[in-house]
Amino acid sequence: MIRFLLSAGLFLAATTAPAHASNDNNISGHWSFAARLNSDCSFGGTAYLEHLGDGKYKGELTARQSCGYLEEDFLVRQDCKANVFGNQVSVRCRIVEFVNGFDSATYYPDNFTLTIGTPARMHGALVSSGLAKPAEWTRSEGGIS
């Protein structure tokens, strides 16, 4: 009897879906984002995320940074991986190409730590070069793709 209950308990635990696999927190699709760097700079862009399963995503992000003290704007294309754990999102990127602006040792990949607020909005922080700045992601019209 104890063996049966133990087996039944293990079966039940194995069939229960983890929280991060919920469709309620599917972040697939097209997003726009912005972060507040400082009063002299603007930062924002677009991202596309594709669901790989089990709370994992891959995608591409294009960020534009414009600062009064720079000769030209940065426009940077990046490959990204994202993980969803409950309502928490971690986005980690790798620079692929400087579309505009010079290849700079001072421009770091754009990483984000976010909280899912609604299916169309995530908020949190841009984490780059050791600094964290307030950031928001907004899903483009059309929702999940």
C-alpha atoms as a PDB file:
ATOM      1  CA  MET A   1       0.000   0.000   0.000  1.00  0.00           C
ATOM      2  CA  ILE A   2       2.794   2.449   0.855  1.00  0.00           C
ATOM      3  CA  ARG A   3       4.596   1.550  -2.382  1.00  0.00           C
ATOM      4  CA  PHE A   4       1.400   2.231  -4.384  1.00  0.00           C
ATOM      5  CA  LEU A   5       0.844   5.624  -2.723  1.00  0.00           C
ATOM      6  CA  LEU A   6       4.464   6.572  -3.282  1.00  0.00           C
ATOM      7  CA  SER A   7       4.256   5.534  -6.950  1.00  0.00           C
ATOM      8  CA  ALA A   8       0.991   7.420  -7.407  1.00  0.00           C
ATOM      9  CA  GLY A   9       2.539  10.513  -5.793  1.00  0.00           C
ATOM     10  CA  LEU A  10       5.574  10.372  -8.092  1.00  0.00           C
ATOM     11  CA  PHE A  11       3.294   9.955 -11.139  1.00  0.00           C
ATOM     12  CA  LEU A  12       1.216  12.952 -10.076  1.00  0.00           C
ATOM     13  CA  ALA A  13       4.328  15.082  -9.523  1.00  0.00           C
ATOM     14  CA  ALA A  14       5.720  14.057 -12.916  1.00  0.00           C
ATOM     15  CA  THR A  15       2.509  15.004 -14.740  1.00  0.00           C
ATOM     16  CA  THR A  16       2.114  18.431 -13.144  1.00  0.00           C
ATOM     17  CA  ALA A  17       3.336  21.154 -15.531  1.00  0.00           C
ATOM     18  CA  PRO A  18       5.965  23.528 -14.139  1.00  0.00           C
ATOM     19  CA  ALA A  19       4.899  27.165 -13.680  1.00  0.00           C
ATOM     20  CA  HIS A  20       7.266  28.482 -16.360  1.00  0.00           C
ATOM     21  CA  ALA A  21       5.650  26.305 -19.045  1.00  0.00           C
ATOM     22  CA  SER A  22       2.319  28.130 -18.781  1.00  0.00           C
ATOM     23  CA  ASN A  23       0.820  29.561 -21.967  1.00  0.00           C
ATOM     24  CA  ASP A  24      -0.273  32.564 -19.872  1.00  0.00           C
ATOM     25  CA  ASN A  25       3.367  33.690 -19.837  1.00  0.00           C
ATOM     26  CA  ASN A  26       4.157  33.071 -23.498  1.00  0.00           C
ATOM     27  CA  ILE A  27       6.404  35.943 -24.584  1.00  0.00           C
ATOM     28  CA  SER A  28       6.626  34.887 -28.259  1.00  0.00           C
ATOM     29  CA  GLY A  29       6.192  37.572 -30.853  1.00  0.00           C
ATOM     30  CA  HIS A  30       7.200  41.107 -31.736  1.00  0.00           C
ATOM     31  CA  TRP A  31       8.024  43.617 -29.011  1.00  0.00           C
ATOM     32  CA  SER A  32       9.188  47.204 -28.759  1.00  0.00           C
ATOM     33  CA  PHE A  33      11.246  48.307 -25.790  1.00  0.00           C
ATOM     34  CA  ALA A  34      12.654  51.435 -24.207  1.00  0.00           C
ATOM     35  CA  ALA A  35      14.909  52.247 -21.272  1.00  0.00           C
ATOM     36  CA  ARG A  36      15.726  55.472 -19.466  1.00  0.00           C
ATOM     37  CA  LEU A  37      19.517  55.906 -19.607  1.00  0.00           C
ATOM     38  CA  ASN A  38      19.976  59.569 -18.689  1.00  0.00           C
ATOM     39  CA  SER A  39      18.654  62.963 -19.750  1.00  0.00           C
ATOM     40  CA  ASP A  40      21.071  63.256 -22.690  1.00  0.00           C
ATOM     41  CA  CYS A  41      20.405  59.786 -24.197  1.00  0.00           C
ATOM     42  CA  SER A  42      17.468  57.882 -25.615  1.00  0.00           C
ATOM     43  CA  PHE A  43      17.418  54.110 -25.945  1.00  0.00           C
ATOM     44  CA  GLY A  44      14.875  51.765 -27.519  1.00  0.00           C
ATOM     45  CA  GLY A  45      14.241  49.263 -30.253  1.00  0.00           C
ATOM     46  CA  THR A  46      12.429  46.146 -31.334  1.00  0.00           C
ATOM     47  CA  ALA A  47      12.718  42.452 -30.571  1.00  0.00           C
ATOM     48  CA  TYR A  48      11.303  39.207 -31.886  1.00  0.00           C
ATOM     49  CA  LEU A  49      11.162  36.137 -29.644  1.00  0.00           C
ATOM     50  CA  GLU A  50      10.393  32.559 -30.696  1.00  0.00           C
ATOM     51  CA  HIS A  51       9.313  29.894 -28.182  1.00  0.00           C
ATOM     52  CA  LEU A  52      11.540  26.804 -28.045  1.00  0.00           C
ATOM     53  CA  GLY A  53       9.582  25.043 -25.292  1.00  0.00           C
ATOM     54  CA  ASP A  54      10.008  24.644 -21.541  1.00  0.00           C
ATOM     55  CA  GLY A  55      10.230  28.395 -20.854  1.00  0.00           C
ATOM     56  CA  LYS A  56      13.089  28.941 -23.326  1.00  0.00           C
ATOM     57  CA  TYR A  57      13.130  31.418 -26.221  1.00  0.00           C
ATOM     58  CA  LYS A  58      15.501  32.599 -28.922  1.00  0.00           C
ATOM     59  CA  GLY A  59      15.299  35.759 -30.930  1.00  0.00           C
ATOM     60  CA  GLU A  60      16.768  38.907 -32.314  1.00  0.00           C
ATOM     61  CA  LEU A  61      16.872  42.414 -30.928  1.00  0.00           C
ATOM     62  CA  THR A  62      17.766  45.687 -32.651  1.00  0.00           C
ATOM     63  CA  ALA A  63      18.595  48.567 -30.313  1.00  0.00           C
ATOM     64  CA  ARG A  64      19.100  52.261 -31.084  1.00  0.00           C
ATOM     65  CA  GLN A  65      20.991  54.476 -28.685  1.00  0.00           C
ATOM     66  CA  SER A  66      21.174  58.192 -29.321  1.00  0.00           C
ATOM     67  CA  CYS A  67      23.196  60.531 -27.109  1.00  0.00           C
ATOM     68  CA  GLY A  68      23.992  64.206 -27.625  1.00  0.00           C
ATOM     69  CA  TYR A  69      27.685  63.640 -27.001  1.00  0.00           C
ATOM     70  CA  LEU A  70      28.040  60.888 -29.674  1.00  0.00           C
ATOM     71  CA  GLU A  71      28.986  61.663 -33.260  1.00  0.00           C
ATOM     72  CA  GLU A  72      26.282  59.275 -34.512  1.00  0.00           C
ATOM     73  CA  ASP A  73      23.577  56.980 -33.160  1.00  0.00           C
ATOM     74  CA  PHE A  74      24.291  53.359 -32.389  1.00  0.00           C
ATOM     75  CA  LEU A  75      22.058  50.850 -34.179  1.00  0.00           C
ATOM     76  CA  VAL A  76      23.017  47.386 -32.969  1.00  0.00           C
ATOM     77  CA  ARG A  77      21.641  43.991 -34.042  1.00  0.00           C
ATOM     78  CA  GLN A  78      21.865  41.248 -31.404  1.00  0.00           C
ATOM     79  CA  ASP A  79      20.991  37.555 -31.035  1.00  0.00           C
ATOM     80  CA  CYS A  80      19.222  36.789 -27.774  1.00  0.00           C
ATOM     81  CA  LYS A  81      18.152  33.939 -25.539  1.00  0.00           C
ATOM     82  CA  ALA A  82      15.365  34.362 -23.009  1.00  0.00           C
ATOM     83  CA  ASN A  83      14.144  32.244 -20.120  1.00  0.00           C
ATOM     84  CA  VAL A  84      10.800  32.543 -18.349  1.00  0.00           C
ATOM     85  CA  PHE A  85      10.433  31.405 -14.730  1.00  0.00           C
ATOM     86  CA  GLY A  86       6.866  32.056 -13.555  1.00  0.00           C
ATOM     87  CA  ASN A  87       6.394  35.762 -14.308  1.00  0.00           C
ATOM     88  CA  GLN A  88      10.141  36.543 -14.343  1.00  0.00           C
ATOM     89  CA  VAL A  89      12.045  36.905 -17.634  1.00  0.00           C
ATOM     90  CA  SER A  90      15.773  36.957 -18.273  1.00  0.00           C
ATOM     91  CA  VAL A  91      16.924  38.148 -21.735  1.00  0.00           C
ATOM     92  CA  ARG A  92      20.621  37.728 -22.573  1.00  0.00           C
ATOM     93  CA  CYS A  93      21.996  39.026 -25.868  1.00  0.00           C
ATOM     94  CA  ARG A  94      25.146  38.881 -27.976  1.00  0.00           C
ATOM     95  CA  ILE A  95      26.150  41.628 -30.406  1.00  0.00           C
ATOM     96  CA  VAL A  96      26.032  40.395 -34.010  1.00  0.00           C
ATOM     97  CA  GLU A  97      26.471  43.626 -35.961  1.00  0.00           C
ATOM     98  CA  PHE A  98      26.846  47.367 -35.576  1.00  0.00           C
ATOM     99  CA  VAL A  99      24.433  48.489 -38.315  1.00  0.00           C
ATOM    100  CA  ASN A 100      25.200  52.127 -37.564  1.00  0.00           C
ATOM    101  CA  GLY A 101      27.831  53.601 -35.304  1.00  0.00           C
ATOM    102  CA  PHE A 102      31.282  52.302 -34.814  1.00  0.00           C
ATOM    103  CA  ASP A 103      32.234  48.951 -33.316  1.00  0.00           C
ATOM    104  CA  SER A 104      32.901  50.231 -29.854  1.00  0.00           C
ATOM    105  CA  ALA A 105      34.541  48.685 -26.843  1.00  0.00           C
ATOM    106  CA  THR A 106      32.153  50.842 -24.804  1.00  0.00           C
ATOM    107  CA  TYR A 107      28.890  49.346 -26.180  1.00  0.00           C
ATOM    108  CA  TYR A 108      27.947  46.191 -24.316  1.00  0.00           C
ATOM    109  CA  PRO A 109      25.245  43.619 -25.164  1.00  0.00           C
ATOM    110  CA  ASP A 110      21.776  44.640 -24.027  1.00  0.00           C
ATOM    111  CA  ASN A 111      20.459  42.268 -21.360  1.00  0.00           C
ATOM    112  CA  PHE A 112      17.152  42.609 -19.547  1.00  0.00           C
ATOM    113  CA  THR A 113      15.641  41.378 -16.288  1.00  0.00           C
ATOM    114  CA  LEU A 114      11.865  41.731 -16.569  1.00  0.00           C
ATOM    115  CA  THR A 115       8.577  40.935 -14.873  1.00  0.00           C
ATOM    116  CA  ILE A 116       5.531  40.024 -16.968  1.00  0.00           C
ATOM    117  CA  GLY A 117       2.788  42.491 -16.062  1.00  0.00           C
ATOM    118  CA  THR A 118       0.227  41.604 -18.732  1.00  0.00           C
ATOM    119  CA  PRO A 119       0.413  39.570 -21.962  1.00  0.00           C
ATOM    120  CA  ALA A 120       1.316  42.846 -23.737  1.00  0.00           C
ATOM    121  CA  ARG A 121       3.692  44.450 -21.204  1.00  0.00           C
ATOM    122  CA  MET A 122       6.867  43.571 -19.321  1.00  0.00           C
ATOM    123  CA  HIS A 123       8.794  45.934 -17.057  1.00  0.00           C
ATOM    124  CA  GLY A 124      12.094  45.779 -15.237  1.00  0.00           C
ATOM    125  CA  ALA A 125      15.655  46.753 -16.053  1.00  0.00           C
ATOM    126  CA  LEU A 126      18.149  47.013 -18.863  1.00  0.00           C
ATOM    127  CA  VAL A 127      21.316  45.481 -17.435  1.00  0.00           C
ATOM    128  CA  SER A 128      24.379  46.494 -19.425  1.00  0.00           C
ATOM    129  CA  SER A 129      27.991  47.289 -18.508  1.00  0.00           C
ATOM    130  CA  GLY A 130      27.260  46.683 -14.835  1.00  0.00           C
ATOM    131  CA  LEU A 131      24.450  49.253 -14.698  1.00  0.00           C
ATOM    132  CA  ALA A 132      20.698  48.693 -14.358  1.00  0.00           C
ATOM    133  CA  LYS A 133      18.296  51.211 -15.878  1.00  0.00           C
ATOM    134  CA  PRO A 134      14.450  51.121 -15.845  1.00  0.00           C
ATOM    135  CA  ALA A 135      13.059  49.419 -18.955  1.00  0.00           C
ATOM    136  CA  GLU A 136       9.698  48.455 -20.440  1.00  0.00           C
ATOM    137  CA  TRP A 137       8.752  46.033 -23.230  1.00  0.00           C
ATOM    138  CA  THR A 138       5.428  46.384 -25.065  1.00  0.00           C
ATOM    139  CA  ARG A 139       4.062  43.656 -27.360  1.00  0.00           C
ATOM    140  CA  SER A 140       3.243  44.838 -30.858  1.00  0.00           C
ATOM    141  CA  GLU A 141      -0.383  44.707 -32.036  1.00  0.00           C
ATOM    142  CA  GLY A 142      -1.377  41.218 -33.074  1.00  0.00           C
ATOM    143  CA  GLY A 143      -0.102  39.595 -29.889  1.00  0.00           C
ATOM    144  CA  ILE A 144       1.497  36.177 -29.861  1.00  0.00           C
ATOM    145  CA  SER A 145       2.779  34.896 -33.180  1.00  0.00           C
END
